[in-house]
Amino acid sequence: MVAVVVSLFGVLLGSRLMRAMTSEEKSRRELEHLMLTDPLTGVGNRRMLTLRLDEEILRAQRYSRALTAVFFDLDHFKRVNDTYGHKVGDSVLTRVAESLSSNLRQSDHIGRFGGEEFVVLLTETGIEEAMTLVERMRAAVAAIQMPEMQGQITISAGLAQWRPGESGDMLLHRSDRALYRAKESGRNRSHTDQDT
């Protein structure tokens, strides 16, 4: 009889421990999601981008595969906030994030870098193929209709392909410089770090 009681107690205790461990794992995943996700747009945040960039550089280095980083920046976004208010500006950011995300492959990563800037990591993708993908993303953003505002939403992009031995910071720096050139040459366009 004692053995049955002890056995039953062990089963109940094991069951409770399993539920507690499952609950703890679920809480850990939820916390990790909160730490790596931009609360406004639902895409990754800068911390997530840094983690994914480090992982993708290691993968590109190990398997000799291409990796392209793309900096996107909404054109004249300050005007949107100043003219229509921050609520509309937030809606624009959310819609742009959705548009960019919907045009990515499962292996790619997107995150809000800050303000109106997004970074996309195109895995196993060279600069030429990346430019084709980016042009499709820019066209999709330009097609967004916002009933609460007039005018078209446009986005500029800067692309850089990872070079062996290069750090993530350097890769992002080169794509940011390419973005600056795209802005400087008229906005609503894409430039690579190789464009003059």
Protein backbone atom coordinates (compact mmCIF):
# COMPACT_ATOMS: atom_id res chain seq x y z
CA MET A 1 0.00 0.00 0.00
CA VAL A 2 2.84 2.36 0.89
CA ALA A 3 4.48 1.63 -2.46
CA VAL A 4 1.26 2.62 -4.29
CA VAL A 5 1.02 5.89 -2.36
CA VAL A 6 4.68 6.68 -2.98
CA SER A 7 4.24 5.82 -6.64
CA LEU A 8 1.16 8.02 -6.95
CA PHE A 9 2.96 10.85 -5.16
CA GLY A 10 5.89 10.50 -7.60
CA VAL A 11 3.58 10.68 -10.61
CA LEU A 12 1.81 13.78 -9.26
CA LEU A 13 5.10 15.47 -8.40
CA GLY A 14 6.53 14.62 -11.83
CA SER A 15 3.42 16.00 -13.51
CA ARG A 16 3.66 19.27 -11.58
CA LEU A 17 7.36 19.58 -12.33
CA MET A 18 6.71 19.04 -16.05
CA ARG A 19 4.00 21.74 -16.05
CA ALA A 20 6.28 24.14 -14.18
CA MET A 21 9.14 23.49 -16.61
CA THR A 22 6.84 23.95 -19.61
CA SER A 23 5.52 27.20 -18.14
CA GLU A 24 9.05 28.40 -17.42
CA GLU A 25 10.15 27.60 -21.01
CA LYS A 26 7.11 29.44 -22.39
CA SER A 27 7.90 32.48 -20.22
CA ARG A 28 11.53 32.41 -21.35
CA ARG A 29 10.49 32.35 -25.02
CA GLU A 30 8.03 35.21 -24.49
CA LEU A 31 10.68 37.29 -22.73
CA GLU A 32 13.20 36.59 -25.50
CA HIS A 33 10.61 37.63 -28.11
CA LEU A 34 9.97 40.89 -26.24
CA MET A 35 13.70 41.60 -25.99
CA LEU A 36 14.30 41.06 -29.73
CA THR A 37 11.16 42.60 -31.26
CA ASP A 38 10.33 46.20 -32.09
CA PRO A 39 7.05 46.85 -30.24
CA LEU A 40 5.60 49.19 -32.90
CA THR A 41 6.27 47.29 -36.12
CA GLY A 42 6.53 43.72 -34.87
CA VAL A 43 9.78 43.11 -36.78
CA GLY A 44 13.11 42.50 -35.07
CA ASN A 45 14.88 45.29 -33.25
CA ARG A 46 18.49 46.40 -33.37
CA ARG A 47 19.54 43.80 -30.79
CA MET A 48 18.03 41.03 -32.93
CA LEU A 49 19.80 42.38 -36.02
CA THR A 50 23.15 42.33 -34.25
CA LEU A 51 22.66 38.72 -33.16
CA ARG A 52 21.47 37.57 -36.60
CA LEU A 53 24.24 39.49 -38.39
CA ASP A 54 26.91 37.78 -36.28
CA GLU A 55 25.32 34.37 -36.98
CA GLU A 56 24.99 35.01 -40.71
CA ILE A 57 28.58 36.25 -41.03
CA LEU A 58 29.81 33.06 -39.34
CA ARG A 59 27.67 31.01 -41.75
CA ALA A 60 28.85 32.97 -44.79
CA GLN A 61 32.45 32.57 -43.68
CA ARG A 62 32.16 28.86 -42.89
CA TYR A 63 30.40 27.89 -46.12
CA SER A 64 31.82 30.59 -48.44
CA ARG A 65 28.37 32.00 -49.15
CA ALA A 66 27.23 35.49 -50.00
CA LEU A 67 25.48 37.81 -47.56
CA THR A 68 24.12 41.25 -48.40
CA ALA A 69 23.01 43.89 -45.90
CA VAL A 70 20.47 46.50 -46.96
CA PHE A 71 19.78 49.76 -45.14
CA PHE A 72 16.31 51.17 -45.92
CA ASP A 73 15.22 54.67 -44.91
CA LEU A 74 11.82 56.25 -45.49
CA ASP A 75 12.07 59.39 -47.59
CA HIS A 76 10.91 62.66 -46.00
CA PHE A 77 9.45 60.84 -43.00
CA LYS A 78 9.71 63.94 -40.80
CA ARG A 79 7.22 65.61 -43.14
CA VAL A 80 4.73 62.81 -42.53
CA ASN A 81 4.96 63.26 -38.75
CA ASP A 82 4.87 67.07 -39.00
CA THR A 83 1.92 67.13 -41.42
CA TYR A 84 -0.25 64.23 -40.26
CA GLY A 85 0.94 63.55 -36.71
CA HIS A 86 2.80 60.73 -35.03
CA LYS A 87 -0.17 58.36 -35.07
CA VAL A 88 -0.19 58.39 -38.88
CA GLY A 89 3.62 58.23 -38.84
CA ASP A 90 3.42 55.09 -36.69
CA SER A 91 0.91 53.58 -39.14
CA VAL A 92 3.27 54.32 -42.03
CA LEU A 93 6.16 52.61 -40.22
CA THR A 94 3.99 49.58 -39.48
CA ARG A 95 2.75 49.30 -43.07
CA VAL A 96 6.28 49.68 -44.47
CA ALA A 97 7.58 46.97 -42.12
CA GLU A 98 4.75 44.66 -43.25
CA SER A 99 5.47 45.40 -46.90
CA LEU A 100 9.20 44.77 -46.58
CA SER A 101 8.62 41.58 -44.56
CA SER A 102 6.13 40.18 -47.04
CA ASN A 103 8.71 40.47 -49.82
CA LEU A 104 11.46 38.56 -48.00
CA ARG A 105 12.34 34.91 -48.11
CA GLN A 106 12.11 32.77 -45.00
CA SER A 107 15.89 32.73 -44.56
CA ASP A 108 16.21 36.54 -44.59
CA HIS A 109 16.02 38.83 -41.55
CA ILE A 110 14.48 42.26 -41.08
CA GLY A 111 14.70 44.64 -38.17
CA ARG A 112 13.95 48.22 -37.33
CA PHE A 113 17.33 49.81 -36.80
CA GLY A 114 15.92 53.00 -35.34
CA GLY A 115 13.49 55.78 -36.22
CA GLU A 116 12.47 55.27 -39.84
CA GLU A 117 15.41 52.99 -40.70
CA PHE A 118 15.16 49.27 -41.37
CA VAL A 119 17.93 46.77 -42.06
CA VAL A 120 17.44 43.60 -44.09
CA LEU A 121 19.95 40.75 -44.16
CA LEU A 122 19.70 38.81 -47.40
CA THR A 123 21.31 35.44 -46.79
CA GLU A 124 23.13 33.53 -49.52
CA THR A 125 22.53 36.51 -51.81
CA GLY A 126 25.07 38.39 -53.89
CA ILE A 127 24.77 42.08 -54.67
CA GLU A 128 23.16 41.67 -58.12
CA GLU A 129 20.41 39.35 -56.90
CA ALA A 130 19.98 41.56 -53.83
CA MET A 131 19.44 44.62 -56.03
CA THR A 132 16.59 42.82 -57.83
CA LEU A 133 14.97 41.93 -54.50
CA VAL A 134 15.42 45.46 -53.15
CA GLU A 135 13.86 47.04 -56.23
CA ARG A 136 10.84 44.77 -55.77
CA MET A 137 10.61 45.85 -52.11
CA ARG A 138 10.88 49.54 -53.03
CA ALA A 139 8.07 49.15 -55.58
CA ALA A 140 5.89 47.39 -52.99
CA VAL A 141 6.42 50.24 -50.51
CA ALA A 142 5.58 52.82 -53.20
CA ALA A 143 2.29 50.96 -53.83
CA ILE A 144 1.12 51.32 -50.22
CA GLN A 145 -2.12 53.30 -50.00
CA MET A 146 -2.69 55.33 -46.84
CA PRO A 147 -6.18 56.89 -46.84
CA GLU A 148 -5.25 59.18 -43.94
CA MET A 149 -2.53 60.96 -45.93
CA GLN A 150 -1.83 62.30 -49.39
CA GLY A 151 1.15 61.43 -51.51
CA GLN A 152 3.24 58.37 -52.05
CA ILE A 153 5.43 56.67 -49.49
CA THR A 154 8.92 56.14 -50.87
CA ILE A 155 12.00 54.50 -49.48
CA SER A 156 15.70 54.64 -50.32
CA ALA A 157 18.10 51.74 -49.97
CA GLY A 158 21.83 51.14 -49.61
CA LEU A 159 23.31 47.70 -50.24
CA ALA A 160 26.65 46.13 -49.39
CA GLN A 161 27.84 42.55 -49.78
CA TRP A 162 29.88 41.03 -46.96
CA ARG A 163 33.61 40.69 -47.62
CA PRO A 164 35.65 37.87 -46.02
CA GLY A 165 37.16 39.00 -42.73
CA GLU A 166 34.79 41.97 -42.44
CA SER A 167 32.92 42.66 -39.21
CA GLY A 168 29.18 43.20 -39.02
CA ASP A 169 29.71 46.84 -38.07
CA MET A 170 31.83 47.45 -41.16
CA LEU A 171 29.25 45.79 -43.41
CA LEU A 172 26.47 47.95 -41.97
CA HIS A 173 28.69 51.02 -42.27
CA ARG A 174 29.19 50.37 -45.98
CA SER A 175 25.47 49.79 -46.59
CA ASP A 176 24.68 52.97 -44.64
CA ARG A 177 27.13 54.93 -46.83
CA ALA A 178 25.41 53.52 -49.93
CA LEU A 179 22.06 54.62 -48.46
CA TYR A 180 23.45 58.11 -47.97
CA ARG A 181 24.41 58.20 -51.66
CA ALA A 182 20.92 57.07 -52.65
CA LYS A 183 19.43 59.90 -50.57
CA GLU A 184 21.94 62.38 -51.96
CA SER A 185 21.14 61.45 -55.56
CA GLY A 186 17.44 62.13 -55.30
CA ARG A 187 15.83 59.60 -52.94
CA ASN A 188 13.42 56.81 -53.90
CA ARG A 189 16.28 54.75 -55.31
CA SER A 190 18.85 52.10 -54.43
CA HIS A 191 22.63 52.29 -54.45
CA THR A 192 25.27 49.69 -53.76
CA ASP A 193 28.51 50.41 -51.95
CA GLN A 194 30.19 49.91 -55.35
CA ASP A 195 28.22 52.73 -57.07
CA THR A 196 30.19 55.90 -57.64
